[in-house]
Amino acid sequence: MMDAGIYTIAVERRNSKMLIGYGDLSVYRHVRKPTLRASNNIVTEDKDSVVFTCYSDAHTIQWLFNGTELQPTERMKLAQDHRRITINPVKREDAGHYQCEASNPISSATSVALELDVKFE
């Protein structure tokens, strides 16, 4: 991480001409497994809401539902940084396993799945 920054590169050619270039070097660590938390995991249809929060220091967060990419609905609000998703109100079809996948340009890791149990009356 300390090696990240802007570097100057100078190359002396055989004809004594000097070529100078600049480059920005980024250094990444392997992503650690993110932690996923839910505000509650047993909810009642049309009465309750749930907030899932993904804790990670990674650059990018992707949400999974039952092992595939989550397709948000009009009832799902994704935070600007993608680290939280709110479902309000919860419906039966929202029941299942939720995960978040954290990634950067060199690696990714997926959280343990949390099950959302939706009760209905």
N, C-alpha and C. Protein backbone atom coordinates (compact mmCIF):
# COMPACT_ATOMS: atom_id res chain seq x y z
N MET A 1 0.82 -1.19 0.00
CA MET A 1 0.00 0.00 0.00
C MET A 1 0.87 1.26 0.00
N MET A 2 2.00 1.19 0.66
CA MET A 2 2.87 2.36 0.72
C MET A 2 3.50 2.67 -0.64
N ASP A 3 3.55 1.68 -1.53
CA ASP A 3 4.16 1.87 -2.85
C ASP A 3 3.22 2.54 -3.84
N ALA A 4 1.95 2.69 -3.51
CA ALA A 4 0.99 3.31 -4.41
C ALA A 4 1.34 4.78 -4.61
N GLY A 5 1.06 5.28 -5.81
CA GLY A 5 1.30 6.69 -6.08
C GLY A 5 1.60 6.93 -7.55
N ILE A 6 2.01 8.15 -7.85
CA ILE A 6 2.36 8.53 -9.21
C ILE A 6 3.87 8.41 -9.37
N TYR A 7 4.28 7.72 -10.44
CA TYR A 7 5.70 7.48 -10.70
C TYR A 7 6.10 8.15 -12.02
N THR A 8 7.34 8.59 -12.07
CA THR A 8 7.94 9.11 -13.29
C THR A 8 8.87 8.04 -13.84
N ILE A 9 8.74 7.78 -15.13
CA ILE A 9 9.56 6.77 -15.78
C ILE A 9 10.40 7.48 -16.85
N ALA A 10 11.73 7.32 -16.77
CA ALA A 10 12.62 7.94 -17.76
C ALA A 10 13.41 6.84 -18.45
N VAL A 11 13.45 6.92 -19.77
CA VAL A 11 14.19 5.95 -20.57
C VAL A 11 15.15 6.72 -21.47
N GLU A 12 16.43 6.37 -21.40
CA GLU A 12 17.41 6.99 -22.29
C GLU A 12 17.60 6.07 -23.48
N ARG A 13 17.33 6.61 -24.67
CA ARG A 13 17.44 5.82 -25.89
C ARG A 13 18.87 5.90 -26.42
N ARG A 14 19.19 5.04 -27.34
CA ARG A 14 20.55 4.97 -27.89
C ARG A 14 20.98 6.26 -28.57
N ASN A 15 20.03 6.98 -29.14
CA ASN A 15 20.36 8.23 -29.82
C ASN A 15 20.42 9.41 -28.85
N SER A 16 20.55 9.10 -27.56
CA SER A 16 20.67 10.10 -26.48
C SER A 16 19.39 10.88 -26.23
N LYS A 17 18.31 10.45 -26.82
CA LYS A 17 17.04 11.10 -26.52
C LYS A 17 16.44 10.48 -25.27
N MET A 18 15.86 11.32 -24.45
CA MET A 18 15.26 10.87 -23.19
C MET A 18 13.74 10.85 -23.37
N LEU A 19 13.13 9.73 -23.05
CA LEU A 19 11.66 9.61 -23.06
C LEU A 19 11.20 9.61 -21.61
N ILE A 20 10.22 10.42 -21.31
CA ILE A 20 9.71 10.52 -19.94
C ILE A 20 8.21 10.25 -19.96
N GLY A 21 7.77 9.41 -19.04
CA GLY A 21 6.35 9.09 -18.91
C GLY A 21 5.95 9.09 -17.45
N TYR A 22 4.66 9.13 -17.21
CA TYR A 22 4.12 9.15 -15.86
C TYR A 22 3.08 8.04 -15.73
N GLY A 23 3.03 7.45 -14.57
CA GLY A 23 2.04 6.40 -14.35
C GLY A 23 1.56 6.40 -12.91
N ASP A 24 0.31 6.03 -12.74
CA ASP A 24 -0.29 5.95 -11.41
C ASP A 24 -0.35 4.47 -11.02
N LEU A 25 0.33 4.12 -9.95
CA LEU A 25 0.37 2.73 -9.50
C LEU A 25 -0.59 2.54 -8.33
N SER A 26 -1.52 1.60 -8.49
CA SER A 26 -2.45 1.24 -7.41
C SER A 26 -2.03 -0.11 -6.85
N VAL A 27 -2.13 -0.25 -5.54
CA VAL A 27 -1.77 -1.50 -4.87
C VAL A 27 -3.01 -2.00 -4.14
N TYR A 28 -3.38 -3.26 -4.36
CA TYR A 28 -4.57 -3.83 -3.75
C TYR A 28 -4.19 -5.03 -2.88
N ARG A 29 -4.95 -5.22 -1.82
CA ARG A 29 -4.85 -6.42 -1.00
C ARG A 29 -5.93 -7.39 -1.44
N HIS A 30 -5.73 -8.67 -1.12
CA HIS A 30 -6.80 -9.64 -1.39
C HIS A 30 -7.98 -9.30 -0.48
N VAL A 31 -9.16 -9.40 -1.03
CA VAL A 31 -10.39 -9.07 -0.31
C VAL A 31 -10.66 -10.12 0.76
N ARG A 32 -10.97 -9.67 1.96
CA ARG A 32 -11.37 -10.58 3.03
C ARG A 32 -12.87 -10.86 2.89
N LYS A 33 -13.28 -11.99 3.44
CA LYS A 33 -14.70 -12.36 3.40
C LYS A 33 -15.52 -11.27 4.10
N PRO A 34 -16.51 -10.70 3.40
CA PRO A 34 -17.34 -9.66 4.03
C PRO A 34 -18.28 -10.26 5.07
N THR A 35 -18.75 -9.41 5.96
CA THR A 35 -19.73 -9.80 6.98
C THR A 35 -21.07 -9.20 6.60
N LEU A 36 -22.10 -10.02 6.63
CA LEU A 36 -23.45 -9.57 6.29
C LEU A 36 -24.32 -9.61 7.53
N ARG A 37 -25.03 -8.53 7.78
CA ARG A 37 -25.95 -8.44 8.92
C ARG A 37 -27.32 -8.00 8.42
N ALA A 38 -28.37 -8.46 9.12
CA ALA A 38 -29.74 -8.08 8.80
C ALA A 38 -30.36 -7.42 10.02
N SER A 39 -31.19 -6.41 9.79
CA SER A 39 -31.87 -5.74 10.90
C SER A 39 -32.80 -6.70 11.62
N ASN A 40 -33.37 -7.64 10.89
CA ASN A 40 -34.17 -8.74 11.44
C ASN A 40 -34.27 -9.79 10.34
N ASN A 41 -34.37 -11.05 10.71
CA ASN A 41 -34.43 -12.07 9.65
C ASN A 41 -35.72 -12.87 9.66
N ILE A 42 -36.64 -12.52 10.56
CA ILE A 42 -37.99 -13.09 10.52
C ILE A 42 -38.94 -11.91 10.47
N VAL A 43 -39.64 -11.78 9.36
CA VAL A 43 -40.51 -10.62 9.14
C VAL A 43 -41.89 -11.08 8.68
N THR A 44 -42.85 -10.18 8.78
CA THR A 44 -44.21 -10.47 8.34
C THR A 44 -44.50 -9.72 7.05
N GLU A 45 -45.07 -10.44 6.10
CA GLU A 45 -45.36 -9.86 4.79
C GLU A 45 -46.25 -8.63 4.92
N ASP A 46 -45.92 -7.59 4.16
CA ASP A 46 -46.66 -6.33 4.07
C ASP A 46 -46.67 -5.51 5.36
N LYS A 47 -46.00 -5.97 6.41
CA LYS A 47 -45.97 -5.22 7.67
C LYS A 47 -44.57 -4.73 8.02
N ASP A 48 -43.56 -5.55 7.70
CA ASP A 48 -42.20 -5.26 8.13
C ASP A 48 -41.29 -4.89 6.96
N SER A 49 -40.16 -4.32 7.33
CA SER A 49 -39.09 -4.08 6.37
C SER A 49 -37.83 -4.72 6.92
N VAL A 50 -36.81 -4.84 6.08
CA VAL A 50 -35.54 -5.41 6.51
C VAL A 50 -34.42 -4.61 5.83
N VAL A 51 -33.33 -4.44 6.56
CA VAL A 51 -32.14 -3.78 6.02
C VAL A 51 -30.98 -4.76 6.11
N PHE A 52 -30.37 -5.06 4.98
CA PHE A 52 -29.16 -5.88 4.94
C PHE A 52 -27.97 -4.93 4.80
N THR A 53 -26.93 -5.16 5.60
CA THR A 53 -25.73 -4.34 5.55
C THR A 53 -24.52 -5.23 5.32
N CYS A 54 -23.69 -4.86 4.35
CA CYS A 54 -22.48 -5.61 4.01
C CYS A 54 -21.27 -4.84 4.54
N TYR A 55 -20.50 -5.48 5.42
CA TYR A 55 -19.32 -4.85 6.00
C TYR A 55 -18.08 -5.38 5.30
N SER A 56 -17.38 -4.48 4.60
CA SER A 56 -16.17 -4.85 3.86
C SER A 56 -15.39 -3.59 3.53
N ASP A 57 -14.08 -3.74 3.36
CA ASP A 57 -13.26 -2.61 2.93
C ASP A 57 -13.00 -2.65 1.42
N ALA A 58 -13.70 -3.51 0.71
CA ALA A 58 -13.52 -3.65 -0.74
C ALA A 58 -14.14 -2.47 -1.48
N HIS A 59 -13.74 -2.30 -2.73
CA HIS A 59 -14.22 -1.19 -3.56
C HIS A 59 -15.63 -1.41 -4.10
N THR A 60 -15.96 -2.66 -4.41
CA THR A 60 -17.22 -2.95 -5.08
C THR A 60 -18.01 -3.99 -4.29
N ILE A 61 -19.32 -3.75 -4.17
CA ILE A 61 -20.22 -4.68 -3.49
C ILE A 61 -21.32 -5.10 -4.48
N GLN A 62 -21.53 -6.40 -4.58
CA GLN A 62 -22.59 -6.98 -5.42
C GLN A 62 -23.49 -7.81 -4.50
N TRP A 63 -24.79 -7.79 -4.73
CA TRP A 63 -25.73 -8.54 -3.90
C TRP A 63 -26.20 -9.80 -4.62
N LEU A 64 -26.34 -10.88 -3.84
CA LEU A 64 -26.82 -12.16 -4.37
C LEU A 64 -28.08 -12.58 -3.63
N PHE A 65 -29.00 -13.19 -4.37
CA PHE A 65 -30.23 -13.73 -3.80
C PHE A 65 -30.34 -15.18 -4.28
N ASN A 66 -30.35 -16.11 -3.33
CA ASN A 66 -30.39 -17.55 -3.64
C ASN A 66 -29.28 -17.95 -4.63
N GLY A 67 -28.11 -17.35 -4.45
CA GLY A 67 -26.94 -17.73 -5.23
C GLY A 67 -26.76 -17.06 -6.57
N THR A 68 -27.71 -16.22 -6.97
CA THR A 68 -27.58 -15.51 -8.25
C THR A 68 -27.68 -14.00 -8.00
N GLU A 69 -27.27 -13.23 -9.00
CA GLU A 69 -27.27 -11.78 -8.86
C GLU A 69 -28.67 -11.27 -8.50
N LEU A 70 -28.75 -10.45 -7.46
CA LEU A 70 -30.04 -9.90 -7.02
C LEU A 70 -30.57 -8.93 -8.07
N GLN A 71 -31.83 -9.11 -8.43
CA GLN A 71 -32.51 -8.21 -9.35
C GLN A 71 -33.44 -7.32 -8.52
N PRO A 72 -33.00 -6.09 -8.20
CA PRO A 72 -33.81 -5.23 -7.34
C PRO A 72 -35.21 -4.96 -7.90
N THR A 73 -36.15 -4.80 -6.99
CA THR A 73 -37.52 -4.45 -7.36
C THR A 73 -37.77 -3.02 -6.90
N GLU A 74 -38.97 -2.52 -7.18
CA GLU A 74 -39.31 -1.15 -6.77
C GLU A 74 -39.38 -1.01 -5.24
N ARG A 75 -39.49 -2.12 -4.53
CA ARG A 75 -39.52 -2.08 -3.06
C ARG A 75 -38.13 -2.15 -2.43
N MET A 76 -37.12 -2.31 -3.26
CA MET A 76 -35.74 -2.44 -2.75
C MET A 76 -34.97 -1.15 -3.01
N LYS A 77 -34.41 -0.60 -1.95
CA LYS A 77 -33.63 0.62 -2.09
C LYS A 77 -32.17 0.29 -1.77
N LEU A 78 -31.32 0.52 -2.75
CA LEU A 78 -29.89 0.24 -2.61
C LEU A 78 -29.19 1.54 -2.24
N ALA A 79 -28.38 1.50 -1.17
CA ALA A 79 -27.62 2.68 -0.76
C ALA A 79 -26.65 3.07 -1.86
N GLN A 80 -26.27 4.33 -1.91
CA GLN A 80 -25.39 4.83 -2.96
C GLN A 80 -24.07 4.06 -3.02
N ASP A 81 -23.54 3.67 -1.87
CA ASP A 81 -22.27 2.93 -1.86
C ASP A 81 -22.48 1.42 -2.01
N HIS A 82 -23.73 0.99 -2.19
CA HIS A 82 -24.14 -0.41 -2.40
C HIS A 82 -23.90 -1.30 -1.17
N ARG A 83 -23.60 -0.73 -0.02
CA ARG A 83 -23.31 -1.53 1.18
C ARG A 83 -24.56 -1.87 1.98
N ARG A 84 -25.69 -1.25 1.64
CA ARG A 84 -26.95 -1.53 2.32
C ARG A 84 -28.06 -1.66 1.30
N ILE A 85 -28.95 -2.59 1.60
CA ILE A 85 -30.16 -2.70 0.77
C ILE A 85 -31.35 -2.81 1.72
N THR A 86 -32.37 -2.01 1.46
CA THR A 86 -33.58 -1.98 2.28
C THR A 86 -34.73 -2.53 1.46
N ILE A 87 -35.48 -3.46 2.05
CA ILE A 87 -36.66 -4.00 1.40
C ILE A 87 -37.87 -3.56 2.22
N ASN A 88 -38.76 -2.77 1.59
CA ASN A 88 -39.89 -2.21 2.32
C ASN A 88 -41.07 -2.01 1.37
N PRO A 89 -42.20 -2.67 1.62
CA PRO A 89 -42.41 -3.73 2.60
C PRO A 89 -41.91 -5.07 2.06
N VAL A 90 -41.70 -6.00 2.95
CA VAL A 90 -41.26 -7.34 2.57
C VAL A 90 -42.44 -8.14 2.03
N LYS A 91 -42.19 -8.90 0.98
CA LYS A 91 -43.19 -9.77 0.37
C LYS A 91 -42.71 -11.22 0.45
N ARG A 92 -43.63 -12.16 0.22
CA ARG A 92 -43.27 -13.59 0.27
C ARG A 92 -42.12 -13.93 -0.66
N GLU A 93 -42.13 -13.34 -1.84
CA GLU A 93 -41.08 -13.67 -2.82
C GLU A 93 -39.69 -13.19 -2.40
N ASP A 94 -39.60 -12.38 -1.33
CA ASP A 94 -38.30 -11.93 -0.83
C ASP A 94 -37.64 -12.96 0.09
N ALA A 95 -38.41 -13.99 0.48
CA ALA A 95 -37.85 -15.03 1.35
C ALA A 95 -36.75 -15.78 0.61
N GLY A 96 -35.66 -16.06 1.32
CA GLY A 96 -34.56 -16.80 0.72
C GLY A 96 -33.23 -16.41 1.32
N HIS A 97 -32.17 -16.76 0.62
CA HIS A 97 -30.81 -16.55 1.11
C HIS A 97 -30.17 -15.34 0.44
N TYR A 98 -29.65 -14.42 1.26
CA TYR A 98 -29.00 -13.20 0.78
C TYR A 98 -27.50 -13.27 1.10
N GLN A 99 -26.71 -12.76 0.17
CA GLN A 99 -25.26 -12.68 0.36
C GLN A 99 -24.77 -11.39 -0.29
N CYS A 100 -23.60 -10.95 0.15
CA CYS A 100 -22.93 -9.86 -0.56
C CYS A 100 -21.57 -10.35 -1.00
N GLU A 101 -21.16 -9.89 -2.17
CA GLU A 101 -19.85 -10.24 -2.71
C GLU A 101 -19.03 -8.97 -2.80
N ALA A 102 -17.88 -8.97 -2.15
CA ALA A 102 -16.98 -7.82 -2.15
C ALA A 102 -15.84 -8.10 -3.12
N SER A 103 -15.44 -7.08 -3.89
CA SER A 103 -14.36 -7.31 -4.85
C SER A 103 -13.55 -6.06 -5.08
N ASN A 104 -12.34 -6.28 -5.60
CA ASN A 104 -11.48 -5.22 -6.10
C ASN A 104 -10.87 -5.77 -7.39
N PRO A 105 -9.99 -5.05 -8.06
CA PRO A 105 -9.48 -5.55 -9.34
C PRO A 105 -8.72 -6.87 -9.30
N ILE A 106 -8.29 -7.35 -8.12
CA ILE A 106 -7.51 -8.59 -8.10
C ILE A 106 -8.17 -9.77 -7.41
N SER A 107 -9.24 -9.54 -6.63
CA SER A 107 -9.85 -10.66 -5.91
C SER A 107 -11.28 -10.34 -5.51
N SER A 108 -11.98 -11.37 -5.06
CA SER A 108 -13.34 -11.20 -4.55
C SER A 108 -13.60 -12.25 -3.47
N ALA A 109 -14.60 -11.97 -2.64
CA ALA A 109 -15.00 -12.90 -1.58
C ALA A 109 -16.49 -12.69 -1.32
N THR A 110 -17.15 -13.78 -0.94
CA THR A 110 -18.60 -13.75 -0.71
C THR A 110 -18.91 -14.04 0.74
N SER A 111 -19.87 -13.32 1.29
CA SER A 111 -20.27 -13.50 2.69
C SER A 111 -20.98 -14.84 2.88
N VAL A 112 -21.12 -15.21 4.12
CA VAL A 112 -21.98 -16.34 4.49
C VAL A 112 -23.42 -15.90 4.19
N ALA A 113 -24.25 -16.82 3.76
CA ALA A 113 -25.64 -16.50 3.42
C ALA A 113 -26.47 -16.28 4.68
N LEU A 114 -27.36 -15.29 4.61
CA LEU A 114 -28.35 -15.06 5.66
C LEU A 114 -29.72 -15.41 5.07
N GLU A 115 -30.51 -16.14 5.84
CA GLU A 115 -31.83 -16.52 5.37
C GLU A 115 -32.86 -15.54 5.88
N LEU A 116 -33.70 -15.05 4.98
CA LEU A 116 -34.82 -14.20 5.34
C LEU A 116 -36.07 -15.06 5.32
N ASP A 117 -36.75 -15.13 6.48
CA ASP A 117 -37.97 -15.91 6.63
C ASP A 117 -39.14 -14.93 6.66
N VAL A 118 -40.03 -15.02 5.68
CA VAL A 118 -41.17 -14.12 5.60
C VAL A 118 -42.43 -14.86 6.02
N LYS A 119 -43.03 -14.40 7.11
CA LYS A 119 -44.30 -14.97 7.59
C LYS A 119 -45.45 -14.24 6.89
N PHE A 120 -46.56 -14.93 6.71
CA PHE A 120 -47.73 -14.28 6.12
C PHE A 120 -48.97 -14.72 6.87
N GLU A 121 -49.94 -13.85 6.84
CA GLU A 121 -51.18 -14.09 7.60
C GLU A 121 -52.32 -14.40 6.67
